[in-house]
Amino acid sequence: MYFFPEVIIIKTVEIFTDGACSGNPGAGGYGVVMRYGTHEKELSGSDANTTNNRMELMGVIVGLSALKEPCKVILTTDSKYVVDSITKGWVYNWQKNNWIKSDKKPALNVDLWKQLLPLLEKHDVTFNWVKGHAGHPENERCDSLAVAQRDIYSLK
């Protein structure tokens, strides 16, 4: 009798995100491009009164939330706020210190960080930072999606 252990194949998905805001706070939008193999999906949304950092976070949350199963994710964004907060461990320290930063000021966007952290536990996420508005094709596409969503409010 042969025993074949169950092989678990984890999908690798690329997610690209960007946020945009007119005024800070002001009207904002986010854009997401997801890629698995040859399949691509675009997601976007907006808020009438928000900040750029909130829209950057929303792009990441929406992208990760769209995954139907745990995945290996390569997440590319131009947001130093998002990347540094996670990769440098700041957000975990804020959480541990009851959402107070090292300068003793309250952390911002706690509601969104509380949505994002469980998603980071569910998925194996690697963050890549790219310079915004520098010709990165997917970042430019996400920016276009985000700006189009933000501009919905300027048409009203």
N, C-alpha and C. Protein backbone atom coordinates (compact mmCIF):
# COMPACT_ATOMS: atom_id res chain seq x y z
N MET A 1 0.84 -1.17 0.00
CA MET A 1 0.00 0.00 0.00
C MET A 1 0.89 1.24 0.00
N TYR A 2 0.54 2.16 -0.86
CA TYR A 2 1.28 3.42 -0.95
C TYR A 2 0.47 4.53 -0.33
N PHE A 3 1.18 5.41 0.34
CA PHE A 3 0.52 6.57 0.93
C PHE A 3 1.00 7.81 0.19
N PHE A 4 0.05 8.55 -0.36
CA PHE A 4 0.39 9.79 -1.05
C PHE A 4 -0.17 10.95 -0.23
N PRO A 5 0.71 11.70 0.37
CA PRO A 5 0.21 12.84 1.16
C PRO A 5 -0.51 13.83 0.25
N GLU A 6 -1.51 14.46 0.84
CA GLU A 6 -2.26 15.45 0.09
C GLU A 6 -1.34 16.60 -0.30
N VAL A 7 -1.35 16.91 -1.56
CA VAL A 7 -0.54 18.02 -2.05
C VAL A 7 -1.44 19.25 -2.10
N ILE A 8 -1.00 20.28 -1.43
CA ILE A 8 -1.76 21.52 -1.42
C ILE A 8 -1.07 22.49 -2.37
N ILE A 9 -1.80 22.90 -3.38
CA ILE A 9 -1.26 23.86 -4.33
C ILE A 9 -1.85 25.22 -4.00
N ILE A 10 -0.98 26.13 -3.74
CA ILE A 10 -1.42 27.48 -3.42
C ILE A 10 -1.21 28.35 -4.66
N LYS A 11 -2.23 29.07 -5.03
CA LYS A 11 -2.16 29.93 -6.21
C LYS A 11 -1.34 31.18 -5.90
N THR A 12 -0.60 31.62 -6.90
CA THR A 12 0.11 32.89 -6.80
C THR A 12 -0.64 33.92 -7.63
N VAL A 13 -1.04 34.99 -6.97
CA VAL A 13 -1.82 36.05 -7.59
C VAL A 13 -1.03 37.36 -7.48
N GLU A 14 -1.05 38.13 -8.55
CA GLU A 14 -0.47 39.47 -8.51
C GLU A 14 -1.61 40.46 -8.30
N ILE A 15 -1.41 41.39 -7.37
CA ILE A 15 -2.39 42.45 -7.15
C ILE A 15 -1.64 43.77 -7.20
N PHE A 16 -2.19 44.69 -7.98
CA PHE A 16 -1.64 46.04 -8.11
C PHE A 16 -2.72 47.00 -7.61
N THR A 17 -2.32 48.00 -6.81
CA THR A 17 -3.32 48.91 -6.24
C THR A 17 -2.83 50.35 -6.30
N ASP A 18 -3.79 51.27 -6.29
CA ASP A 18 -3.47 52.68 -6.18
C ASP A 18 -4.68 53.42 -5.63
N GLY A 19 -4.42 54.55 -5.01
CA GLY A 19 -5.48 55.41 -4.51
C GLY A 19 -5.28 56.82 -5.02
N ALA A 20 -6.36 57.57 -5.08
CA ALA A 20 -6.30 58.96 -5.52
C ALA A 20 -7.26 59.78 -4.68
N CYS A 21 -6.90 61.04 -4.46
CA CYS A 21 -7.75 61.92 -3.67
C CYS A 21 -7.58 63.34 -4.16
N SER A 22 -8.69 64.06 -4.25
CA SER A 22 -8.66 65.46 -4.64
C SER A 22 -8.95 66.28 -3.40
N GLY A 23 -7.92 66.91 -2.88
CA GLY A 23 -8.02 67.48 -1.54
C GLY A 23 -7.68 66.36 -0.58
N ASN A 24 -7.30 66.69 0.59
CA ASN A 24 -6.92 65.63 1.53
C ASN A 24 -7.33 66.09 2.94
N PRO A 25 -8.60 65.96 3.33
CA PRO A 25 -9.62 65.08 2.73
C PRO A 25 -10.33 65.72 1.54
N GLY A 26 -10.98 64.83 0.82
CA GLY A 26 -11.76 65.22 -0.34
C GLY A 26 -12.31 63.98 -1.02
N ALA A 27 -12.76 64.15 -2.24
CA ALA A 27 -13.25 63.01 -3.01
C ALA A 27 -12.08 62.11 -3.36
N GLY A 28 -12.31 60.79 -3.26
CA GLY A 28 -11.22 59.86 -3.53
C GLY A 28 -11.69 58.61 -4.22
N GLY A 29 -10.74 57.90 -4.78
CA GLY A 29 -11.03 56.63 -5.43
C GLY A 29 -9.84 55.69 -5.31
N TYR A 30 -10.09 54.42 -5.57
CA TYR A 30 -9.01 53.43 -5.59
C TYR A 30 -9.20 52.55 -6.82
N GLY A 31 -8.09 51.99 -7.26
CA GLY A 31 -8.12 51.07 -8.38
C GLY A 31 -7.28 49.85 -8.07
N VAL A 32 -7.74 48.70 -8.57
CA VAL A 32 -7.07 47.42 -8.32
C VAL A 32 -7.02 46.64 -9.63
N VAL A 33 -5.86 46.09 -9.93
CA VAL A 33 -5.73 45.15 -11.03
C VAL A 33 -5.23 43.85 -10.41
N MET A 34 -5.97 42.76 -10.68
CA MET A 34 -5.60 41.44 -10.16
C MET A 34 -5.24 40.55 -11.33
N ARG A 35 -4.20 39.74 -11.16
CA ARG A 35 -3.78 38.85 -12.24
C ARG A 35 -3.45 37.46 -11.68
N TYR A 36 -4.06 36.46 -12.31
CA TYR A 36 -3.73 35.07 -12.01
C TYR A 36 -3.53 34.39 -13.36
N GLY A 37 -2.29 34.04 -13.65
CA GLY A 37 -2.00 33.46 -14.96
C GLY A 37 -2.34 34.47 -16.05
N THR A 38 -3.21 34.05 -16.96
CA THR A 38 -3.62 34.94 -18.05
C THR A 38 -4.91 35.69 -17.74
N HIS A 39 -5.47 35.46 -16.56
CA HIS A 39 -6.73 36.09 -16.18
C HIS A 39 -6.47 37.40 -15.44
N GLU A 40 -7.22 38.43 -15.81
CA GLU A 40 -7.13 39.71 -15.12
C GLU A 40 -8.50 40.19 -14.71
N LYS A 41 -8.51 40.92 -13.61
CA LYS A 41 -9.76 41.50 -13.11
C LYS A 41 -9.43 42.89 -12.59
N GLU A 42 -10.32 43.84 -12.87
CA GLU A 42 -10.15 45.20 -12.37
C GLU A 42 -11.28 45.52 -11.41
N LEU A 43 -10.93 46.19 -10.32
CA LEU A 43 -11.90 46.61 -9.32
C LEU A 43 -11.62 48.07 -9.00
N SER A 44 -12.66 48.80 -8.64
CA SER A 44 -12.46 50.19 -8.25
C SER A 44 -13.65 50.65 -7.42
N GLY A 45 -13.44 51.74 -6.72
CA GLY A 45 -14.50 52.30 -5.90
C GLY A 45 -14.13 53.70 -5.46
N SER A 46 -15.04 54.34 -4.74
CA SER A 46 -14.80 55.73 -4.38
C SER A 46 -15.46 56.08 -3.06
N ASP A 47 -15.12 57.26 -2.58
CA ASP A 47 -15.70 57.82 -1.37
C ASP A 47 -15.75 59.33 -1.56
N ALA A 48 -16.84 59.95 -1.16
CA ALA A 48 -17.01 61.39 -1.36
C ALA A 48 -16.12 62.22 -0.45
N ASN A 49 -15.77 61.68 0.71
CA ASN A 49 -14.99 62.44 1.69
C ASN A 49 -13.99 61.51 2.36
N THR A 50 -12.77 61.54 1.88
CA THR A 50 -11.78 60.57 2.34
C THR A 50 -10.39 61.19 2.25
N THR A 51 -9.37 60.36 2.47
CA THR A 51 -7.98 60.80 2.31
C THR A 51 -7.26 59.87 1.35
N ASN A 52 -6.12 60.32 0.87
CA ASN A 52 -5.34 59.49 -0.03
C ASN A 52 -4.93 58.17 0.64
N ASN A 53 -4.46 58.25 1.88
CA ASN A 53 -4.04 57.02 2.57
C ASN A 53 -5.19 56.04 2.76
N ARG A 54 -6.39 56.54 3.01
CA ARG A 54 -7.54 55.64 3.15
C ARG A 54 -7.82 54.94 1.82
N MET A 55 -7.70 55.67 0.72
CA MET A 55 -7.95 55.05 -0.58
C MET A 55 -6.86 54.04 -0.93
N GLU A 56 -5.62 54.33 -0.55
CA GLU A 56 -4.53 53.36 -0.76
C GLU A 56 -4.84 52.07 0.01
N LEU A 57 -5.25 52.21 1.26
CA LEU A 57 -5.60 51.05 2.07
C LEU A 57 -6.81 50.30 1.50
N MET A 58 -7.81 51.04 1.05
CA MET A 58 -9.01 50.39 0.49
C MET A 58 -8.66 49.55 -0.73
N GLY A 59 -7.77 50.03 -1.57
CA GLY A 59 -7.36 49.24 -2.73
C GLY A 59 -6.79 47.89 -2.31
N VAL A 60 -5.94 47.90 -1.31
CA VAL A 60 -5.33 46.66 -0.81
C VAL A 60 -6.40 45.75 -0.20
N ILE A 61 -7.27 46.33 0.62
CA ILE A 61 -8.33 45.54 1.28
C ILE A 61 -9.26 44.92 0.24
N VAL A 62 -9.69 45.69 -0.72
CA VAL A 62 -10.62 45.19 -1.74
C VAL A 62 -9.95 44.09 -2.58
N GLY A 63 -8.71 44.30 -2.95
CA GLY A 63 -8.00 43.28 -3.73
C GLY A 63 -7.86 41.97 -2.97
N LEU A 64 -7.40 42.03 -1.74
CA LEU A 64 -7.23 40.80 -0.95
C LEU A 64 -8.57 40.17 -0.61
N SER A 65 -9.59 40.98 -0.38
CA SER A 65 -10.92 40.45 -0.06
C SER A 65 -11.56 39.72 -1.24
N ALA A 66 -11.14 40.05 -2.43
CA ALA A 66 -11.72 39.43 -3.63
C ALA A 66 -11.22 38.00 -3.84
N LEU A 67 -10.15 37.62 -3.15
CA LEU A 67 -9.62 36.26 -3.30
C LEU A 67 -10.53 35.27 -2.60
N LYS A 68 -10.84 34.18 -3.28
CA LYS A 68 -11.80 33.20 -2.75
C LYS A 68 -11.16 32.13 -1.86
N GLU A 69 -9.84 32.08 -1.86
CA GLU A 69 -9.12 31.08 -1.07
C GLU A 69 -7.77 31.67 -0.68
N PRO A 70 -7.11 31.09 0.30
CA PRO A 70 -5.78 31.60 0.66
C PRO A 70 -4.83 31.49 -0.53
N CYS A 71 -4.08 32.56 -0.77
CA CYS A 71 -3.18 32.62 -1.91
C CYS A 71 -1.84 33.21 -1.51
N LYS A 72 -0.85 32.93 -2.33
CA LYS A 72 0.41 33.66 -2.27
C LYS A 72 0.17 34.90 -3.12
N VAL A 73 0.40 36.07 -2.55
CA VAL A 73 0.09 37.32 -3.23
C VAL A 73 1.33 38.18 -3.35
N ILE A 74 1.56 38.65 -4.55
CA ILE A 74 2.59 39.65 -4.78
C ILE A 74 1.83 40.95 -5.00
N LEU A 75 1.88 41.83 -4.00
CA LEU A 75 1.09 43.05 -4.02
C LEU A 75 1.99 44.25 -4.30
N THR A 76 1.69 44.95 -5.37
CA THR A 76 2.49 46.10 -5.80
C THR A 76 1.67 47.36 -5.65
N THR A 77 2.25 48.35 -4.97
CA THR A 77 1.59 49.63 -4.72
C THR A 77 2.62 50.74 -4.71
N ASP A 78 2.16 51.97 -4.92
CA ASP A 78 3.06 53.12 -4.81
C ASP A 78 2.92 53.81 -3.45
N SER A 79 2.23 53.16 -2.53
CA SER A 79 1.99 53.76 -1.21
C SER A 79 3.06 53.34 -0.21
N LYS A 80 3.94 54.28 0.11
CA LYS A 80 4.93 54.03 1.16
C LYS A 80 4.23 53.85 2.51
N TYR A 81 3.14 54.57 2.70
CA TYR A 81 2.36 54.46 3.93
C TYR A 81 1.94 53.02 4.17
N VAL A 82 1.38 52.37 3.18
CA VAL A 82 0.93 50.98 3.32
C VAL A 82 2.12 50.05 3.46
N VAL A 83 3.07 50.14 2.54
CA VAL A 83 4.21 49.21 2.53
C VAL A 83 5.02 49.33 3.81
N ASP A 84 5.41 50.54 4.17
CA ASP A 84 6.25 50.71 5.36
C ASP A 84 5.51 50.33 6.65
N SER A 85 4.23 50.67 6.73
CA SER A 85 3.47 50.33 7.94
C SER A 85 3.46 48.84 8.20
N ILE A 86 3.44 48.05 7.13
CA ILE A 86 3.40 46.60 7.28
C ILE A 86 4.80 46.01 7.34
N THR A 87 5.64 46.31 6.36
CA THR A 87 6.95 45.65 6.29
C THR A 87 7.89 46.08 7.41
N LYS A 88 7.71 47.29 7.92
CA LYS A 88 8.54 47.75 9.03
C LYS A 88 7.90 47.46 10.38
N GLY A 89 6.71 46.85 10.35
CA GLY A 89 6.07 46.41 11.58
C GLY A 89 5.35 47.48 12.37
N TRP A 90 5.24 48.68 11.81
CA TRP A 90 4.62 49.76 12.57
C TRP A 90 3.20 49.42 12.98
N VAL A 91 2.41 48.89 12.04
CA VAL A 91 0.99 48.63 12.32
C VAL A 91 0.81 47.61 13.44
N TYR A 92 1.72 46.66 13.52
CA TYR A 92 1.63 45.64 14.57
C TYR A 92 1.95 46.26 15.93
N ASN A 93 2.87 47.22 15.95
CA ASN A 93 3.17 47.94 17.19
C ASN A 93 2.00 48.82 17.59
N TRP A 94 1.39 49.49 16.61
CA TRP A 94 0.21 50.32 16.92
C TRP A 94 -0.88 49.45 17.54
N GLN A 95 -1.10 48.30 16.92
CA GLN A 95 -2.14 47.40 17.41
C GLN A 95 -1.83 46.94 18.84
N LYS A 96 -0.58 46.53 19.05
CA LYS A 96 -0.15 46.06 20.37
C LYS A 96 -0.29 47.16 21.43
N ASN A 97 -0.11 48.42 21.02
CA ASN A 97 -0.17 49.56 21.94
C ASN A 97 -1.53 50.25 21.89
N ASN A 98 -2.58 49.46 21.62
CA ASN A 98 -3.94 49.98 21.59
C ASN A 98 -4.10 51.14 20.60
N TRP A 99 -3.46 50.98 19.42
CA TRP A 99 -3.56 51.92 18.31
C TRP A 99 -2.99 53.30 18.64
N ILE A 100 -1.92 53.28 19.44
CA ILE A 100 -1.16 54.49 19.73
C ILE A 100 0.22 54.33 19.11
N LYS A 101 0.66 55.37 18.37
CA LYS A 101 1.96 55.32 17.71
C LYS A 101 3.08 55.62 18.70
N SER A 102 4.32 55.45 18.26
CA SER A 102 5.47 55.67 19.14
C SER A 102 5.58 57.13 19.58
N ASP A 103 5.01 58.05 18.80
CA ASP A 103 5.02 59.46 19.21
C ASP A 103 3.86 59.80 20.16
N LYS A 104 3.17 58.76 20.62
CA LYS A 104 2.05 58.86 21.57
C LYS A 104 0.77 59.45 20.96
N LYS A 105 0.76 59.63 19.64
CA LYS A 105 -0.45 60.10 18.95
C LYS A 105 -1.25 58.90 18.48
N PRO A 106 -2.56 59.06 18.35
CA PRO A 106 -3.39 57.95 17.87
C PRO A 106 -3.03 57.58 16.42
N ALA A 107 -3.02 56.30 16.14
CA ALA A 107 -2.84 55.84 14.76
C ALA A 107 -4.06 56.25 13.94
N LEU A 108 -3.83 56.51 12.68
CA LEU A 108 -4.92 56.89 11.78
C LEU A 108 -5.44 55.65 11.05
N ASN A 109 -6.67 55.73 10.61
CA ASN A 109 -7.29 54.69 9.76
C ASN A 109 -7.38 53.33 10.45
N VAL A 110 -7.58 53.35 11.75
CA VAL A 110 -7.63 52.12 12.54
C VAL A 110 -8.71 51.17 12.01
N ASP A 111 -9.86 51.71 11.60
CA ASP A 111 -10.93 50.86 11.08
C ASP A 111 -10.47 50.05 9.87
N LEU A 112 -9.67 50.67 9.01
CA LEU A 112 -9.19 49.97 7.82
C LEU A 112 -8.06 49.00 8.16
N TRP A 113 -7.17 49.39 9.05
CA TRP A 113 -6.12 48.45 9.48
C TRP A 113 -6.73 47.20 10.10
N LYS A 114 -7.82 47.38 10.86
CA LYS A 114 -8.48 46.23 11.48
C LYS A 114 -9.11 45.31 10.42
N GLN A 115 -9.47 45.84 9.27
CA GLN A 115 -9.96 45.01 8.17
C GLN A 115 -8.81 44.32 7.45
N LEU A 116 -7.69 45.03 7.32
CA LEU A 116 -6.56 44.51 6.55
C LEU A 116 -5.78 43.41 7.28
N LEU A 117 -5.56 43.57 8.56
CA LEU A 117 -4.70 42.62 9.28
C LEU A 117 -5.16 41.17 9.18
N PRO A 118 -6.46 40.86 9.32
CA PRO A 118 -6.87 39.46 9.15
C PRO A 118 -6.63 38.94 7.73
N LEU A 119 -6.71 39.81 6.75
CA LEU A 119 -6.44 39.39 5.37
C LEU A 119 -4.96 39.04 5.19
N LEU A 120 -4.10 39.75 5.89
CA LEU A 120 -2.67 39.45 5.83
C LEU A 120 -2.34 38.14 6.52
N GLU A 121 -3.18 37.74 7.48
CA GLU A 121 -3.01 36.43 8.11
C GLU A 121 -3.50 35.31 7.21
N LYS A 122 -4.53 35.58 6.44
CA LYS A 122 -5.12 34.57 5.55
C LYS A 122 -4.24 34.28 4.34
N HIS A 123 -3.60 35.33 3.81
CA HIS A 123 -2.81 35.19 2.59
C HIS A 123 -1.33 35.40 2.89
N ASP A 124 -0.49 34.82 2.06
CA ASP A 124 0.96 35.00 2.15
C ASP A 124 1.30 36.16 1.22
N VAL A 125 1.39 37.36 1.78
CA VAL A 125 1.52 38.57 0.98
C VAL A 125 2.95 39.11 1.02
N THR A 126 3.48 39.36 -0.16
CA THR A 126 4.76 40.05 -0.32
C THR A 126 4.45 41.42 -0.91
N PHE A 127 4.93 42.46 -0.26
CA PHE A 127 4.67 43.82 -0.72
C PHE A 127 5.84 44.34 -1.54
N ASN A 128 5.51 44.95 -2.68
CA ASN A 128 6.49 45.62 -3.53
C ASN A 128 6.07 47.07 -3.69
N TRP A 129 7.00 47.97 -3.47
CA TRP A 129 6.73 49.38 -3.68
C TRP A 129 7.28 49.79 -5.03
N VAL A 130 6.48 50.58 -5.77
CA VAL A 130 6.95 51.18 -7.02
C VAL A 130 6.71 52.68 -6.95
N LYS A 131 7.53 53.43 -7.63
CA LYS A 131 7.35 54.87 -7.69
C LYS A 131 6.11 55.17 -8.52
N GLY A 132 5.24 56.01 -7.97
CA GLY A 132 4.03 56.37 -8.68
C GLY A 132 4.30 57.30 -9.85
N HIS A 133 3.45 57.24 -10.85
CA HIS A 133 3.53 58.12 -12.02
C HIS A 133 4.90 58.02 -12.70
N ALA A 134 5.43 56.81 -12.74
CA ALA A 134 6.76 56.60 -13.32
C ALA A 134 6.72 55.59 -14.47
N GLY A 135 5.54 55.34 -15.01
CA GLY A 135 5.44 54.48 -16.19
C GLY A 135 5.24 53.00 -15.92
N HIS A 136 5.08 52.60 -14.66
CA HIS A 136 4.81 51.19 -14.36
C HIS A 136 3.40 50.89 -14.91
N PRO A 137 3.25 50.00 -15.88
CA PRO A 137 1.96 49.84 -16.59
C PRO A 137 0.77 49.54 -15.67
N GLU A 138 0.92 48.62 -14.77
CA GLU A 138 -0.21 48.27 -13.89
C GLU A 138 -0.50 49.39 -12.90
N ASN A 139 0.55 50.05 -12.40
CA ASN A 139 0.33 51.17 -11.49
C ASN A 139 -0.38 52.31 -12.21
N GLU A 140 -0.02 52.55 -13.44
CA GLU A 140 -0.68 53.59 -14.23
C GLU A 140 -2.16 53.23 -14.46
N ARG A 141 -2.42 51.95 -14.72
CA ARG A 141 -3.81 51.52 -14.92
C ARG A 141 -4.61 51.69 -13.64
N CYS A 142 -4.03 51.29 -12.51
CA CYS A 142 -4.72 51.47 -11.22
C CYS A 142 -4.97 52.94 -10.95
N ASP A 143 -4.01 53.79 -11.27
CA ASP A 143 -4.18 55.22 -11.08
C ASP A 143 -5.34 55.73 -11.93
N SER A 144 -5.44 55.27 -13.18
CA SER A 144 -6.55 55.69 -14.05
C SER A 144 -7.89 55.27 -13.47
N LEU A 145 -7.96 54.05 -12.94
CA LEU A 145 -9.19 53.57 -12.32
C LEU A 145 -9.55 54.42 -11.11
N ALA A 146 -8.54 54.71 -10.28
CA ALA A 146 -8.77 55.48 -9.06
C ALA A 146 -9.21 56.91 -9.39
N VAL A 147 -8.55 57.53 -10.35
CA VAL A 147 -8.89 58.90 -10.73
C VAL A 147 -10.30 58.96 -11.32
N ALA A 148 -10.66 57.98 -12.14
CA ALA A 148 -12.00 57.95 -12.72
C ALA A 148 -13.06 57.86 -11.63
N GLN A 149 -12.79 57.06 -10.61
CA GLN A 149 -13.73 56.94 -9.49
C GLN A 149 -13.79 58.24 -8.69
N ARG A 150 -12.63 58.82 -8.43
CA ARG A 150 -12.58 60.09 -7.69
C ARG A 150 -13.35 61.18 -8.44
N ASP A 151 -13.18 61.20 -9.75
CA ASP A 151 -13.79 62.26 -10.57
C ASP A 151 -15.30 62.14 -10.69
N ILE A 152 -15.87 61.02 -10.30
CA ILE A 152 -17.34 60.90 -10.28
C ILE A 152 -17.93 62.03 -9.44
N TYR A 153 -17.25 62.38 -8.36
CA TYR A 153 -17.77 63.40 -7.45
C TYR A 153 -17.62 64.81 -8.00
N SER A 154 -16.65 65.03 -8.88
CA SER A 154 -16.49 66.37 -9.44
C SER A 154 -17.50 66.62 -10.56
N LEU A 155 -18.16 65.56 -11.04
CA LEU A 155 -19.17 65.71 -12.07
C LEU A 155 -20.54 66.03 -11.49
N LYS A 156 -20.66 65.92 -10.17
CA LYS A 156 -21.98 66.13 -9.54
C LYS A 156 -22.21 67.59 -9.23
